[in-house]
Amino acid sequence: MTKRRIAIAVAAVVLVAGVVAGRERPTLDLVEAAAPAAAARDGIDLGKLRRGESSLPETDPFKRLQGPKEKQEKVVAEKPTAPALPFQYFGRLTENGKTEVFVMHGEELVAIEKGKTIGEYRVDQIAESSISFTYLPLKTKQTLDFQ
């Protein structure tokens, strides 16, 4: 009786496997055969759906990093420079033997004298034809010529 049960169980498994395998194949064939016809009928261009060849990345993430000995090239950093002077010479006024020099700083008229600090600039010298300033963040000397 046990041999008979084993034989029935094996036959059932083979039958089920045959049915499942037999049903999957025709379904795939039908889908593959019907796809171009359905796409043509619907006006779909299947050529546009195909992927092109993949390109290689421009940077290689697996490239060996350069060690300190390989970094022989020195990077020359550009030295920072002071911005253009934000002042315009306005004029001078001499009254009772005392001379005052005026400059425009944006829209503001400012009286200056040696040693005065205006924003990031310090007045170093007032000459007959120019004013010398120092841009304090970089300690850069700049001159404003009278015109």
Protein backbone atom coordinates (compact mmCIF):
# COMPACT_ATOMS: atom_id res chain seq x y z
CA MET A 1 0.00 0.00 0.00
CA THR A 2 2.85 2.47 0.68
CA LYS A 3 4.38 1.83 -2.72
CA ARG A 4 1.08 2.68 -4.27
CA ARG A 5 0.78 5.98 -2.31
CA ILE A 6 4.33 6.97 -3.28
CA ALA A 7 3.61 6.24 -6.93
CA ILE A 8 0.41 8.33 -6.81
CA ALA A 9 2.24 11.24 -5.13
CA VAL A 10 5.05 11.17 -7.71
CA ALA A 11 2.57 11.03 -10.56
CA ALA A 12 0.65 13.99 -9.11
CA VAL A 13 3.84 16.06 -8.79
CA VAL A 14 4.88 15.24 -12.37
CA LEU A 15 1.40 16.07 -13.63
CA VAL A 16 1.32 19.44 -11.80
CA ALA A 17 4.84 20.30 -12.99
CA GLY A 18 3.89 19.44 -16.55
CA VAL A 19 0.77 21.59 -16.39
CA VAL A 20 2.60 24.58 -14.87
CA ALA A 21 5.50 24.33 -17.32
CA GLY A 22 3.13 23.89 -20.24
CA ARG A 23 1.06 26.94 -19.31
CA GLU A 24 3.97 29.36 -18.83
CA ARG A 25 5.60 28.88 -22.18
CA PRO A 26 2.68 29.61 -24.48
CA THR A 27 1.78 32.69 -22.47
CA LEU A 28 5.27 34.20 -23.00
CA ASP A 29 5.20 33.35 -26.67
CA LEU A 30 1.82 35.03 -27.04
CA VAL A 31 2.99 38.20 -25.30
CA GLU A 32 6.18 38.44 -27.37
CA ALA A 33 4.29 37.84 -30.61
CA ALA A 34 1.48 40.26 -29.76
CA ALA A 35 3.70 43.16 -28.55
CA PRO A 36 4.95 44.41 -31.96
CA ALA A 37 1.51 44.18 -33.49
CA ALA A 38 -0.12 46.06 -30.59
CA ALA A 39 2.63 48.69 -30.58
CA ALA A 40 2.28 49.28 -34.32
CA ARG A 41 -1.49 49.52 -33.96
CA ASP A 42 -1.18 52.09 -31.14
CA GLY A 43 1.48 54.15 -32.98
CA ILE A 44 4.27 53.41 -30.49
CA ASP A 45 7.84 53.41 -31.78
CA LEU A 46 9.58 50.58 -29.88
CA GLY A 47 12.98 51.74 -31.17
CA LYS A 48 12.82 54.73 -28.87
CA LEU A 49 12.38 52.45 -25.86
CA ARG A 50 15.63 50.56 -26.41
CA ARG A 51 18.59 51.58 -24.28
CA GLY A 52 21.73 52.81 -25.91
CA GLU A 53 25.17 51.63 -24.94
CA SER A 54 26.24 52.72 -21.51
CA SER A 55 29.19 55.06 -21.39
CA LEU A 56 32.03 54.84 -18.93
CA PRO A 57 32.07 57.34 -16.08
CA GLU A 58 34.41 60.27 -16.55
CA THR A 59 35.85 59.80 -13.09
CA ASP A 60 37.01 56.43 -11.93
CA PRO A 61 35.92 55.77 -8.32
CA PHE A 62 38.41 52.91 -8.09
CA LYS A 63 41.44 54.92 -9.24
CA ARG A 64 44.23 54.92 -6.73
CA LEU A 65 44.54 58.19 -4.87
CA GLN A 66 47.82 60.05 -5.14
CA GLY A 67 50.09 59.82 -2.14
CA PRO A 68 52.24 62.67 -0.77
CA LYS A 69 55.22 61.67 -2.92
CA GLU A 70 53.13 61.79 -6.07
CA LYS A 71 51.88 65.31 -5.34
CA GLN A 72 55.05 67.05 -6.50
CA GLU A 73 53.19 69.86 -8.22
CA LYS A 74 52.68 72.84 -5.99
CA VAL A 75 49.49 74.76 -6.40
CA VAL A 76 50.18 78.45 -6.64
CA ALA A 77 47.37 80.31 -4.93
CA GLU A 78 46.53 83.70 -6.30
CA LYS A 79 47.41 86.35 -3.76
CA PRO A 80 44.32 88.24 -2.58
CA THR A 81 44.12 91.87 -3.59
CA ALA A 82 42.37 94.84 -2.10
CA PRO A 83 39.20 96.07 -3.81
CA ALA A 84 39.18 99.36 -5.65
CA LEU A 85 39.06 102.41 -3.41
CA PRO A 86 35.46 103.31 -2.59
CA PHE A 87 36.35 107.02 -2.26
CA GLN A 88 36.25 109.97 -4.65
CA TYR A 89 38.09 113.18 -3.94
CA PHE A 90 35.59 115.97 -3.36
CA GLY A 91 37.76 118.92 -2.38
CA ARG A 92 39.51 120.79 0.41
CA LEU A 93 38.55 123.78 2.49
CA THR A 94 41.02 126.07 4.24
CA GLU A 95 39.55 128.24 6.95
CA ASN A 96 41.43 130.18 9.66
CA GLY A 97 44.66 128.40 8.72
CA LYS A 98 43.15 124.95 9.09
CA THR A 99 42.66 122.76 6.00
CA GLU A 100 40.01 120.06 5.77
CA VAL A 101 39.93 117.44 2.99
CA PHE A 102 36.64 115.89 1.88
CA VAL A 103 35.97 112.63 0.06
CA MET A 104 32.77 110.97 -1.09
CA HIS A 105 32.21 107.47 0.35
CA GLY A 106 29.21 106.22 -1.61
CA GLU A 107 26.59 108.93 -1.09
CA GLU A 108 28.18 110.29 2.10
CA LEU A 109 30.53 113.29 2.28
CA VAL A 110 33.31 112.55 4.78
CA ALA A 111 35.93 114.93 6.23
CA ILE A 112 39.21 113.04 6.57
CA GLU A 113 42.48 113.53 8.40
CA LYS A 114 45.63 111.48 8.87
CA GLY A 115 45.00 108.40 11.06
CA LYS A 116 41.21 108.40 10.63
CA THR A 117 39.60 105.01 9.92
CA ILE A 118 36.68 104.85 7.50
CA GLY A 119 35.21 101.34 7.30
CA GLU A 120 38.07 98.99 6.38
CA TYR A 121 40.40 101.83 5.33
CA ARG A 122 42.80 104.00 7.32
CA VAL A 123 44.03 107.41 6.06
CA ASP A 124 47.86 107.31 6.11
CA GLN A 125 48.82 110.58 4.46
CA ILE A 126 47.26 113.60 2.82
CA ALA A 127 49.58 115.21 0.26
CA GLU A 128 49.07 118.11 -2.14
CA SER A 129 48.00 115.83 -5.03
CA SER A 130 46.95 112.52 -3.41
CA ILE A 131 45.65 110.70 -0.35
CA SER A 132 47.24 107.42 0.83
CA PHE A 133 45.03 104.73 2.39
CA THR A 134 45.68 101.29 3.89
CA TYR A 135 43.16 98.52 3.30
CA LEU A 136 43.26 97.04 6.81
CA PRO A 137 42.22 93.38 6.18
CA LEU A 138 45.19 92.85 3.82
CA LYS A 139 47.43 95.72 4.99
CA THR A 140 47.59 96.91 1.38
CA LYS A 141 48.52 100.51 0.59
CA GLN A 142 46.42 102.39 -2.00
CA THR A 143 46.57 105.94 -3.31
CA LEU A 144 43.77 108.24 -4.43
CA ASP A 145 45.10 110.87 -6.85
CA PHE A 146 43.36 114.24 -7.16
CA GLN A 147 42.16 115.04 -10.64
